[in-house]
Amino acid sequence: MDVLGIDIGGTGIKGAPVNIKTGQLTGERHRILTPKPATPEAVIATAADIVKHFDWKGPIGCGFPAVIKYSVVHTASNIDKSWIGVNADEKMKQATGQSAVFLNDADAAGLAEMQFGAGKGHEGLVIIVTLGTGIGTSLFINGVLVPNTELGHIELQGKDAELHAAESVRIKKDLNWKKWGVLVNDYLCVLEALLWPDLIIIGGGASKKHARFFPQFTVKAETVPAQLRNGAGIVGAALAAPV
């Protein structure tokens, strides 16, 4: 069965139909720049344009950069503050006439990784850490998602962990991979002390170069690079859709 997955980010909104049995995109990914300001009306209209592009009739899943509880947006970092309090599912349904489900974007990527990537078949506690501008996380217990973990915001050396160890820190400070690996390890050690995961999956663009910084890790948990990258958000969003 095909489902439309849409990944809504701070810079771009992209989508494609997904075969939710195989995790494969069944149409070419379509991307539109995120409108500025990224108000509910503007973002929903842009997402609806993606629906129109595919002439889509059916369920829709949307990954979104916010905490979402019972369809309602509770935070806003890379989007306009006017999103807070909005029922995103209902907004999308009104704009498209199709059933839609919104979920946190890191959780969406995690769903894809657990179903079709490095987490497939793993039991116990699995944490997926996405290193980018910030740090996104998703957490699974025996394959079941614990939503909205936002573990990139735990305190590390007196500040948000993502200000200590995100890939943007490596770029901004022009750190070599070894030095940055030490910072990432600081963060992973805190996660391990709190949660004792069985598996840690590292995602984000830097995961392609994992051999350069993984040797700095001292955590006891098995740590592996993500297998799904650019398409994970779209695939995971589709998996969450109301089918």
Protein backbone atom coordinates (compact mmCIF):
# COMPACT_ATOMS: atom_id res chain seq x y z
CA MET A 1 0.00 0.00 0.00
CA ASP A 2 1.21 3.50 -0.84
CA VAL A 3 0.94 6.41 1.60
CA LEU A 4 2.05 10.01 1.07
CA GLY A 5 4.85 10.99 3.43
CA ILE A 6 5.72 14.67 3.92
CA ASP A 7 8.78 15.92 5.82
CA ILE A 8 8.33 19.52 6.98
CA GLY A 9 11.59 21.25 7.91
CA GLY A 10 12.79 24.73 8.67
CA THR A 11 14.22 25.22 5.17
CA GLY A 12 12.32 22.79 2.96
CA ILE A 13 9.13 20.76 2.74
CA LYS A 14 9.48 17.53 0.79
CA GLY A 15 7.24 14.58 0.09
CA ALA A 16 6.74 11.41 -1.90
CA PRO A 17 4.45 8.39 -2.02
CA VAL A 18 5.87 5.49 -0.03
CA ASN A 19 5.24 1.76 -0.17
CA ILE A 20 4.85 1.16 3.56
CA LYS A 21 5.53 -2.57 3.16
CA THR A 22 8.99 -2.04 1.65
CA GLY A 23 9.90 1.52 2.68
CA GLN A 24 10.63 2.44 -0.93
CA LEU A 25 9.59 5.74 -2.47
CA THR A 26 7.22 5.01 -5.36
CA GLY A 27 7.44 8.48 -6.88
CA GLU A 28 10.17 11.07 -7.31
CA ARG A 29 10.61 13.22 -4.22
CA HIS A 30 9.13 16.72 -4.58
CA ARG A 31 10.60 19.59 -2.56
CA ILE A 32 9.40 23.16 -1.98
CA LEU A 33 11.12 25.83 0.11
CA THR A 34 9.57 26.41 3.52
CA PRO A 35 7.73 29.75 3.45
CA LYS A 36 8.95 32.65 5.58
CA PRO A 37 7.47 33.29 8.03
CA ALA A 38 6.54 29.66 8.56
CA THR A 39 3.03 30.33 9.84
CA PRO A 40 0.40 27.58 10.03
CA GLU A 41 -1.46 28.96 7.03
CA ALA A 42 1.66 29.28 4.87
CA VAL A 43 3.15 25.90 5.79
CA ILE A 44 -0.12 24.03 5.39
CA ALA A 45 -0.68 25.68 1.99
CA THR A 46 2.80 24.58 0.88
CA ALA A 47 2.26 21.03 2.16
CA ALA A 48 -1.08 21.02 0.33
CA ASP A 49 0.79 21.94 -2.87
CA ILE A 50 2.78 18.73 -2.48
CA VAL A 51 -0.47 16.81 -2.12
CA LYS A 52 -1.73 18.45 -5.32
CA HIS A 53 1.56 17.73 -7.11
CA PHE A 54 0.96 14.01 -6.67
CA ASP A 55 -2.81 14.36 -7.17
CA TRP A 56 -2.98 12.46 -3.91
CA LYS A 57 -6.17 10.90 -2.59
CA GLY A 58 -5.59 8.91 0.57
CA PRO A 59 -3.85 9.02 3.95
CA ILE A 60 -1.01 11.46 4.64
CA GLY A 61 1.72 11.41 7.29
CA CYS A 62 3.68 14.57 8.13
CA GLY A 63 6.93 14.80 10.08
CA PHE A 64 7.11 18.18 11.81
CA PRO A 65 9.83 20.02 13.82
CA ALA A 66 7.92 20.29 17.09
CA VAL A 67 6.52 18.41 20.05
CA ILE A 68 3.06 17.18 19.04
CA LYS A 69 0.59 15.70 21.53
CA TYR A 70 -2.86 14.54 20.48
CA SER A 71 -2.47 16.39 17.15
CA VAL A 72 -1.68 19.73 18.86
CA VAL A 73 1.64 21.56 18.36
CA HIS A 74 3.35 22.47 21.65
CA THR A 75 6.74 23.92 20.63
CA ALA A 76 8.15 26.05 17.81
CA SER A 77 11.87 26.41 17.09
CA ASN A 78 12.34 26.38 13.30
CA ILE A 79 8.75 27.44 12.66
CA ASP A 80 6.60 30.45 13.54
CA LYS A 81 5.47 30.70 17.18
CA SER A 82 1.86 30.99 16.01
CA TRP A 83 1.93 27.20 15.51
CA ILE A 84 1.71 26.62 19.27
CA GLY A 85 -1.78 25.40 20.16
CA VAL A 86 -2.74 24.54 16.57
CA ASN A 87 -4.36 21.19 15.76
CA ALA A 88 -2.09 20.30 12.84
CA ASP A 89 -4.00 17.19 11.76
CA GLU A 90 -7.24 19.13 11.45
CA LYS A 91 -5.56 22.00 9.56
CA MET A 92 -4.14 19.59 7.00
CA LYS A 93 -7.43 17.76 6.59
CA GLN A 94 -9.25 21.05 6.01
CA ALA A 95 -6.71 22.07 3.34
CA THR A 96 -6.58 18.76 1.47
CA GLY A 97 -9.75 16.84 2.27
CA GLN A 98 -7.56 13.85 3.22
CA SER A 99 -6.90 12.23 6.60
CA ALA A 100 -3.54 13.33 8.00
CA VAL A 101 -1.36 12.68 11.03
CA PHE A 102 1.47 14.92 12.23
CA LEU A 103 4.31 13.67 14.41
CA ASN A 104 7.69 14.93 15.58
CA ASP A 105 10.20 14.82 12.72
CA ALA A 106 12.88 12.96 14.71
CA ASP A 107 10.28 10.39 15.72
CA ALA A 108 9.33 9.99 12.05
CA ALA A 109 12.94 9.33 11.05
CA GLY A 110 13.22 6.90 13.95
CA LEU A 111 10.18 4.93 12.83
CA ALA A 112 11.76 4.45 9.41
CA GLU A 113 15.11 3.42 10.87
CA MET A 114 13.47 0.87 13.17
CA GLN A 115 11.31 -0.60 10.43
CA PHE A 116 13.74 -0.65 7.52
CA GLY A 117 17.19 0.40 8.77
CA ALA A 118 19.74 -0.21 11.50
CA GLY A 119 17.11 -0.77 14.19
CA LYS A 120 15.19 -3.48 12.34
CA GLY A 121 14.55 -6.48 14.59
CA HIS A 122 16.14 -4.94 17.68
CA GLU A 123 14.43 -5.38 21.05
CA GLY A 124 15.20 -3.57 24.30
CA LEU A 125 15.81 0.16 24.46
CA VAL A 126 17.00 1.82 21.26
CA ILE A 127 17.89 5.51 20.94
CA ILE A 128 18.28 7.15 17.54
CA VAL A 129 20.35 10.35 17.69
CA THR A 130 20.29 12.68 14.69
CA LEU A 131 23.23 15.11 14.65
CA GLY A 132 22.62 18.25 12.60
CA THR A 133 21.89 21.90 13.34
CA GLY A 134 20.67 20.58 16.68
CA ILE A 135 20.28 17.09 18.13
CA GLY A 136 17.11 15.17 17.42
CA THR A 137 16.26 11.96 19.23
CA SER A 138 13.74 9.16 19.10
CA LEU A 139 13.41 6.39 21.66
CA PHE A 140 11.96 2.90 21.26
CA ILE A 141 11.25 0.22 23.84
CA ASN A 142 10.82 -3.24 22.32
CA GLY A 143 10.05 -1.58 19.00
CA VAL A 144 7.42 0.80 20.41
CA LEU A 145 7.99 4.55 20.02
CA VAL A 146 8.09 6.75 23.13
CA PRO A 147 7.21 10.05 21.42
CA ASN A 148 8.60 13.57 21.84
CA THR A 149 11.70 12.69 23.85
CA GLU A 150 13.67 15.85 22.88
CA LEU A 151 16.84 14.48 24.51
CA GLY A 152 18.94 17.01 22.63
CA HIS A 153 17.85 19.49 25.30
CA ILE A 154 19.17 17.67 28.35
CA GLU A 155 21.77 19.68 30.26
CA LEU A 156 25.41 18.97 29.53
CA GLN A 157 28.13 21.06 31.15
CA GLY A 158 25.64 23.80 32.01
CA LYS A 159 23.92 24.15 28.63
CA ASP A 160 21.68 22.36 26.17
CA ALA A 161 23.45 19.25 24.91
CA GLU A 162 22.91 20.28 21.31
CA LEU A 163 24.96 23.43 21.95
CA HIS A 164 27.80 21.13 23.01
CA ALA A 165 27.71 18.31 20.50
CA ALA A 166 25.56 19.02 17.42
CA GLU A 167 27.26 18.88 14.03
CA SER A 168 26.74 22.63 13.76
CA VAL A 169 29.18 22.99 16.68
CA ARG A 170 31.85 21.09 14.73
CA ILE A 171 31.34 23.35 11.73
CA LYS A 172 31.13 26.61 13.67
CA LYS A 173 34.25 25.88 15.74
CA ASP A 174 36.09 24.22 12.83
CA LEU A 175 36.78 21.14 14.95
CA ASN A 176 38.48 18.10 13.53
CA TRP A 177 36.55 14.83 13.62
CA LYS A 178 38.46 13.46 16.60
CA LYS A 179 37.76 16.50 18.81
CA TRP A 180 34.13 16.56 17.80
CA GLY A 181 33.87 12.83 18.48
CA VAL A 182 34.92 13.50 22.07
CA LEU A 183 32.09 16.04 22.43
CA VAL A 184 29.54 13.63 20.96
CA ASN A 185 30.82 10.96 23.34
CA ASP A 186 30.23 13.34 26.28
CA TYR A 187 26.61 13.50 25.23
CA LEU A 188 26.21 9.77 24.64
CA CYS A 189 27.68 9.04 28.08
CA VAL A 190 24.97 11.19 29.68
CA LEU A 191 22.29 9.35 27.72
CA GLU A 192 23.75 6.03 28.81
CA ALA A 193 23.90 7.07 32.46
CA LEU A 194 20.22 8.04 32.36
CA LEU A 195 18.71 5.35 30.13
CA TRP A 196 21.16 2.44 29.63
CA PRO A 197 20.19 1.80 25.99
CA ASP A 198 20.88 -1.50 24.28
CA LEU A 199 21.54 0.17 20.93
CA ILE A 200 22.39 3.72 19.86
CA ILE A 201 21.92 4.65 16.20
CA ILE A 202 23.66 7.81 14.97
CA GLY A 203 21.98 9.64 12.10
CA GLY A 204 22.45 12.92 10.27
CA GLY A 205 24.82 13.80 7.45
CA ALA A 206 27.90 13.12 9.57
CA SER A 207 26.92 9.48 10.01
CA LYS A 208 28.30 8.85 6.50
CA LYS A 209 31.74 9.60 7.97
CA HIS A 210 31.24 7.62 11.17
CA ALA A 211 34.67 5.99 10.91
CA ARG A 212 36.21 9.40 11.62
CA PHE A 213 34.56 10.01 14.99
CA PHE A 214 33.06 6.74 16.31
CA PRO A 215 36.50 5.61 17.63
CA GLN A 216 36.19 8.33 20.32
CA PHE A 217 33.08 6.69 21.80
CA THR A 218 33.40 4.95 25.17
CA VAL A 219 29.75 4.04 25.79
CA LYS A 220 28.98 0.40 26.55
CA ALA A 221 25.95 0.27 24.25
CA GLU A 222 26.39 -0.97 20.70
CA THR A 223 26.64 2.16 18.53
CA VAL A 224 26.02 2.05 14.79
CA PRO A 225 25.43 4.54 11.95
CA ALA A 226 21.94 5.01 10.56
CA GLN A 227 21.26 3.20 7.29
CA LEU A 228 18.51 5.51 6.07
CA ARG A 229 19.39 9.13 5.52
CA ASN A 230 17.64 11.72 3.35
CA GLY A 231 14.50 9.69 2.84
CA ALA A 232 13.99 8.62 6.46
CA GLY A 233 11.71 11.53 7.38
CA ILE A 234 9.40 10.91 4.43
CA VAL A 235 9.27 7.15 4.97
CA GLY A 236 8.67 7.45 8.71
CA ALA A 237 5.95 10.03 8.21
CA ALA A 238 4.19 7.65 5.84
CA LEU A 239 4.44 4.84 8.39
CA ALA A 240 2.58 7.01 10.92
CA ALA A 241 -0.29 7.86 8.57
CA PRO A 242 -3.85 6.74 9.39
CA VAL A 243 -4.25 3.66 7.17
